[in-house]
Amino acid sequence: MKIKKKKLRRKSSLKKRIKITSKGLLKRKKAFKNHILTKKSKKRKRRLSNLDIIKTYLKNKIKKLLLL
């Protein structure tokens, strides 16, 4: 009797939030830029709007989740 293995599935929620750059780095959007923006300073909002590069120690974990 054959036992079927479960399919390895990507984490689709993570796939939507992370992009891979041409150099192979992972980039993401920063949090806290969706609402209640009136009490945040212009400088803070500007910094939050920039994309963030994911740290190297998390890179391997995320690549496993994305099956890369």
Protein backbone atom coordinates (compact mmCIF):
# COMPACT_ATOMS: atom_id res chain seq x y z
CA MET A 1 0.00 0.00 0.00
CA LYS A 2 1.41 3.35 -1.03
CA ILE A 3 1.31 6.27 1.35
CA LYS A 4 0.87 9.65 -0.32
CA LYS A 5 3.20 12.37 0.83
CA LYS A 6 1.79 15.77 1.60
CA LYS A 7 2.55 18.44 -0.96
CA LEU A 8 5.00 21.09 0.11
CA ARG A 9 3.19 24.37 -0.20
CA ARG A 10 4.56 27.85 -0.20
CA LYS A 11 3.39 30.33 2.35
CA SER A 12 1.23 32.41 0.03
CA SER A 13 0.77 35.19 2.58
CA LEU A 14 4.54 35.66 2.71
CA LYS A 15 4.82 35.44 -1.06
CA LYS A 16 2.53 38.47 -1.38
CA ARG A 17 4.53 40.57 1.08
CA ILE A 18 8.11 39.94 -0.07
CA LYS A 19 9.85 40.70 -3.36
CA ILE A 20 13.25 39.43 -4.49
CA THR A 21 15.68 41.98 -5.92
CA SER A 22 18.00 41.33 -8.87
CA LYS A 23 20.88 40.75 -6.45
CA GLY A 24 18.87 38.11 -4.56
CA LEU A 25 18.07 40.26 -1.54
CA LEU A 26 14.60 40.19 -0.03
CA LYS A 27 12.71 43.46 0.39
CA ARG A 28 9.53 44.25 2.29
CA LYS A 29 7.32 47.17 3.25
CA LYS A 30 7.66 48.67 6.69
CA ALA A 31 4.82 48.54 9.20
CA PHE A 32 2.92 51.43 10.86
CA LYS A 33 2.16 53.45 7.70
CA ASN A 34 -1.52 52.54 7.23
CA HIS A 35 -3.59 54.66 9.58
CA ILE A 36 -3.39 57.23 12.38
CA LEU A 37 -0.89 59.21 10.35
CA THR A 38 -1.80 62.63 11.74
CA LYS A 39 0.23 62.26 14.91
CA LYS A 40 3.30 60.86 13.13
CA SER A 41 5.89 63.34 11.97
CA LYS A 42 6.68 63.91 8.29
CA LYS A 43 10.16 62.54 8.82
CA ARG A 44 8.82 59.34 10.38
CA LYS A 45 6.26 58.81 7.60
CA ARG A 46 8.93 59.39 4.95
CA ARG A 47 11.21 56.79 6.53
CA LEU A 48 8.37 54.29 6.81
CA SER A 49 7.54 54.64 3.13
CA ASN A 50 10.97 53.31 2.06
CA LEU A 51 11.33 49.60 1.42
CA ASP A 52 13.38 47.61 3.90
CA ILE A 53 15.93 44.89 3.12
CA ILE A 54 15.45 41.76 5.22
CA LYS A 55 18.33 40.87 7.53
CA THR A 56 20.64 38.02 6.56
CA TYR A 57 19.85 35.87 9.60
CA LEU A 58 16.15 35.80 8.63
CA LYS A 59 16.84 35.34 4.92
CA ASN A 60 17.37 31.57 5.10
CA LYS A 61 14.18 31.02 7.15
CA ILE A 62 12.11 33.00 4.67
CA LYS A 63 13.64 31.23 1.66
CA LYS A 64 12.64 27.90 3.25
CA LEU A 65 9.07 29.12 3.68
CA LEU A 66 8.96 30.26 0.07
CA LEU A 67 10.62 27.01 -1.12
CA LEU A 68 13.43 28.85 -2.92
